[in-house]
Amino acid sequence: MTSLPERIESEPDTVGRDLGRLVLTLVELLRQLMERQALRRVEAGDLPAETVERLGLGLMHLEEAMEELRQHFGLEPEDLNVDLGPLGRLLAPPAE
């Protein structure tokens, strides 16, 4: 059995970018989950038109904010899609 290192080795000049990548990966995962749930509710007809409009605008604003943050940290969308080994990629492929 391989033991874990006592410390994670990280370069001081990239630690901010690496932390930003981790946080943005989690936010992107949550954004995708929220988007899928919203689409299911819209397709089921559970929501009034006003709520559908607010959901759409909120998701658009969140996507724009994510783009700005990715640019700030110098990341591409695919940089957030962590490889989980045998489980595959963390994030769903982009909708076409």
C-alpha atoms as a PDB file:
ATOM      1  CA  MET A   1       0.000   0.000   0.000  1.00  0.00           C
ATOM      2  CA  THR A   2       1.353   3.416  -0.972  1.00  0.00           C
ATOM      3  CA  SER A   3       1.370   6.030   1.757  1.00  0.00           C
ATOM      4  CA  LEU A   4       0.334   9.605   1.150  1.00  0.00           C
ATOM      5  CA  PRO A   5       2.975  12.312   1.349  1.00  0.00           C
ATOM      6  CA  GLU A   6       2.958  14.452   4.466  1.00  0.00           C
ATOM      7  CA  ARG A   7       2.791  17.588   2.324  1.00  0.00           C
ATOM      8  CA  ILE A   8       1.465  18.373  -1.101  1.00  0.00           C
ATOM      9  CA  GLU A   9       4.230  19.801  -3.222  1.00  0.00           C
ATOM     10  CA  SER A  10       3.157  22.998  -4.929  1.00  0.00           C
ATOM     11  CA  GLU A  11       5.025  25.763  -6.657  1.00  0.00           C
ATOM     12  CA  PRO A  12       4.613  29.074  -4.786  1.00  0.00           C
ATOM     13  CA  ASP A  13       3.978  30.991  -8.016  1.00  0.00           C
ATOM     14  CA  THR A  14       1.138  28.676  -9.135  1.00  0.00           C
ATOM     15  CA  VAL A  15      -0.627  27.974  -5.848  1.00  0.00           C
ATOM     16  CA  GLY A  16      -3.173  30.767  -6.449  1.00  0.00           C
ATOM     17  CA  ARG A  17      -3.974  29.492  -9.935  1.00  0.00           C
ATOM     18  CA  ASP A  18      -4.209  25.903  -8.677  1.00  0.00           C
ATOM     19  CA  LEU A  19      -6.567  26.884  -5.870  1.00  0.00           C
ATOM     20  CA  GLY A  20      -8.617  28.947  -8.324  1.00  0.00           C
ATOM     21  CA  ARG A  21      -8.829  25.931 -10.633  1.00  0.00           C
ATOM     22  CA  LEU A  22     -10.066  23.714  -7.810  1.00  0.00           C
ATOM     23  CA  VAL A  23     -12.712  26.208  -6.666  1.00  0.00           C
ATOM     24  CA  LEU A  24     -13.882  26.910 -10.221  1.00  0.00           C
ATOM     25  CA  THR A  25     -14.110  23.177 -10.921  1.00  0.00           C
ATOM     26  CA  LEU A  26     -16.469  22.761  -7.965  1.00  0.00           C
ATOM     27  CA  VAL A  27     -18.516  25.809  -8.960  1.00  0.00           C
ATOM     28  CA  GLU A  28     -18.765  24.539 -12.555  1.00  0.00           C
ATOM     29  CA  LEU A  29     -19.946  21.137 -11.334  1.00  0.00           C
ATOM     30  CA  LEU A  30     -22.659  22.803  -9.239  1.00  0.00           C
ATOM     31  CA  ARG A  31     -23.605  25.118 -12.131  1.00  0.00           C
ATOM     32  CA  GLN A  32     -24.065  22.142 -14.461  1.00  0.00           C
ATOM     33  CA  LEU A  33     -26.169  20.297 -11.880  1.00  0.00           C
ATOM     34  CA  MET A  34     -28.371  23.368 -11.341  1.00  0.00           C
ATOM     35  CA  GLU A  35     -28.756  23.832 -15.090  1.00  0.00           C
ATOM     36  CA  ARG A  36     -29.834  20.217 -15.597  1.00  0.00           C
ATOM     37  CA  GLN A  37     -32.327  20.426 -12.744  1.00  0.00           C
ATOM     38  CA  ALA A  38     -33.754  23.670 -14.143  1.00  0.00           C
ATOM     39  CA  LEU A  39     -34.126  22.111 -17.604  1.00  0.00           C
ATOM     40  CA  ARG A  40     -35.942  19.098 -16.141  1.00  0.00           C
ATOM     41  CA  ARG A  41     -38.358  21.369 -14.301  1.00  0.00           C
ATOM     42  CA  VAL A  42     -38.951  23.519 -17.384  1.00  0.00           C
ATOM     43  CA  GLU A  43     -39.566  20.460 -19.567  1.00  0.00           C
ATOM     44  CA  ALA A  44     -41.957  19.035 -16.957  1.00  0.00           C
ATOM     45  CA  GLY A  45     -43.955  22.280 -17.056  1.00  0.00           C
ATOM     46  CA  ASP A  46     -43.650  22.772 -13.286  1.00  0.00           C
ATOM     47  CA  LEU A  47     -42.624  26.415 -13.475  1.00  0.00           C
ATOM     48  CA  PRO A  48     -44.429  29.627 -14.347  1.00  0.00           C
ATOM     49  CA  ALA A  49     -43.018  31.661 -17.266  1.00  0.00           C
ATOM     50  CA  GLU A  50     -41.604  34.338 -14.905  1.00  0.00           C
ATOM     51  CA  THR A  51     -39.605  31.727 -13.011  1.00  0.00           C
ATOM     52  CA  VAL A  52     -38.307  30.191 -16.234  1.00  0.00           C
ATOM     53  CA  GLU A  53     -37.145  33.650 -17.334  1.00  0.00           C
ATOM     54  CA  ARG A  54     -35.413  34.328 -13.994  1.00  0.00           C
ATOM     55  CA  LEU A  55     -33.731  30.914 -14.054  1.00  0.00           C
ATOM     56  CA  GLY A  56     -32.466  31.478 -17.577  1.00  0.00           C
ATOM     57  CA  LEU A  57     -31.077  34.913 -16.738  1.00  0.00           C
ATOM     58  CA  GLY A  58     -29.484  33.660 -13.523  1.00  0.00           C
ATOM     59  CA  LEU A  59     -27.773  30.777 -15.304  1.00  0.00           C
ATOM     60  CA  MET A  60     -26.559  33.104 -18.071  1.00  0.00           C
ATOM     61  CA  HIS A  61     -25.084  35.511 -15.499  1.00  0.00           C
ATOM     62  CA  LEU A  62     -23.399  32.642 -13.670  1.00  0.00           C
ATOM     63  CA  GLU A  63     -21.884  31.366 -16.925  1.00  0.00           C
ATOM     64  CA  GLU A  64     -20.589  34.875 -17.723  1.00  0.00           C
ATOM     65  CA  ALA A  65     -19.060  35.168 -14.245  1.00  0.00           C
ATOM     66  CA  MET A  66     -17.392  31.787 -14.681  1.00  0.00           C
ATOM     67  CA  GLU A  67     -15.905  32.941 -17.995  1.00  0.00           C
ATOM     68  CA  GLU A  68     -14.488  36.068 -16.335  1.00  0.00           C
ATOM     69  CA  LEU A  69     -12.988  34.037 -13.490  1.00  0.00           C
ATOM     70  CA  ARG A  70     -11.478  31.495 -15.892  1.00  0.00           C
ATOM     71  CA  GLN A  71      -9.871  34.361 -17.812  1.00  0.00           C
ATOM     72  CA  HIS A  72      -8.576  35.870 -14.559  1.00  0.00           C
ATOM     73  CA  PHE A  73      -6.825  32.612 -13.667  1.00  0.00           C
ATOM     74  CA  GLY A  74      -5.761  31.872 -17.266  1.00  0.00           C
ATOM     75  CA  LEU A  75      -7.880  28.730 -17.506  1.00  0.00           C
ATOM     76  CA  GLU A  76      -9.769  27.155 -20.375  1.00  0.00           C
ATOM     77  CA  PRO A  77     -13.081  25.314 -19.802  1.00  0.00           C
ATOM     78  CA  GLU A  78     -11.343  21.964 -20.336  1.00  0.00           C
ATOM     79  CA  ASP A  79      -8.883  22.821 -17.519  1.00  0.00           C
ATOM     80  CA  LEU A  80     -11.775  22.405 -15.082  1.00  0.00           C
ATOM     81  CA  ASN A  81     -12.691  18.923 -16.268  1.00  0.00           C
ATOM     82  CA  VAL A  82     -10.692  16.808 -13.822  1.00  0.00           C
ATOM     83  CA  ASP A  83      -9.784  13.265 -14.871  1.00  0.00           C
ATOM     84  CA  LEU A  84     -10.996  10.839 -12.197  1.00  0.00           C
ATOM     85  CA  GLY A  85      -9.112   7.883 -13.649  1.00  0.00           C
ATOM     86  CA  PRO A  86     -11.324   4.823 -14.126  1.00  0.00           C
ATOM     87  CA  LEU A  87     -14.428   6.900 -13.320  1.00  0.00           C
ATOM     88  CA  GLY A  88     -13.830   9.175 -16.313  1.00  0.00           C
ATOM     89  CA  ARG A  89     -14.064  12.954 -16.438  1.00  0.00           C
ATOM     90  CA  LEU A  90     -15.792  14.917 -13.672  1.00  0.00           C
ATOM     91  CA  LEU A  91     -17.810  17.295 -15.829  1.00  0.00           C
ATOM     92  CA  ALA A  92     -20.350  16.563 -18.527  1.00  0.00           C
ATOM     93  CA  PRO A  93     -19.281  17.407 -22.075  1.00  0.00           C
ATOM     94  CA  PRO A  94     -20.550  20.801 -23.289  1.00  0.00           C
ATOM     95  CA  ALA A  95     -24.042  20.816 -24.781  1.00  0.00           C
ATOM     96  CA  GLU A  96     -24.148  21.177 -28.535  1.00  0.00           C
END
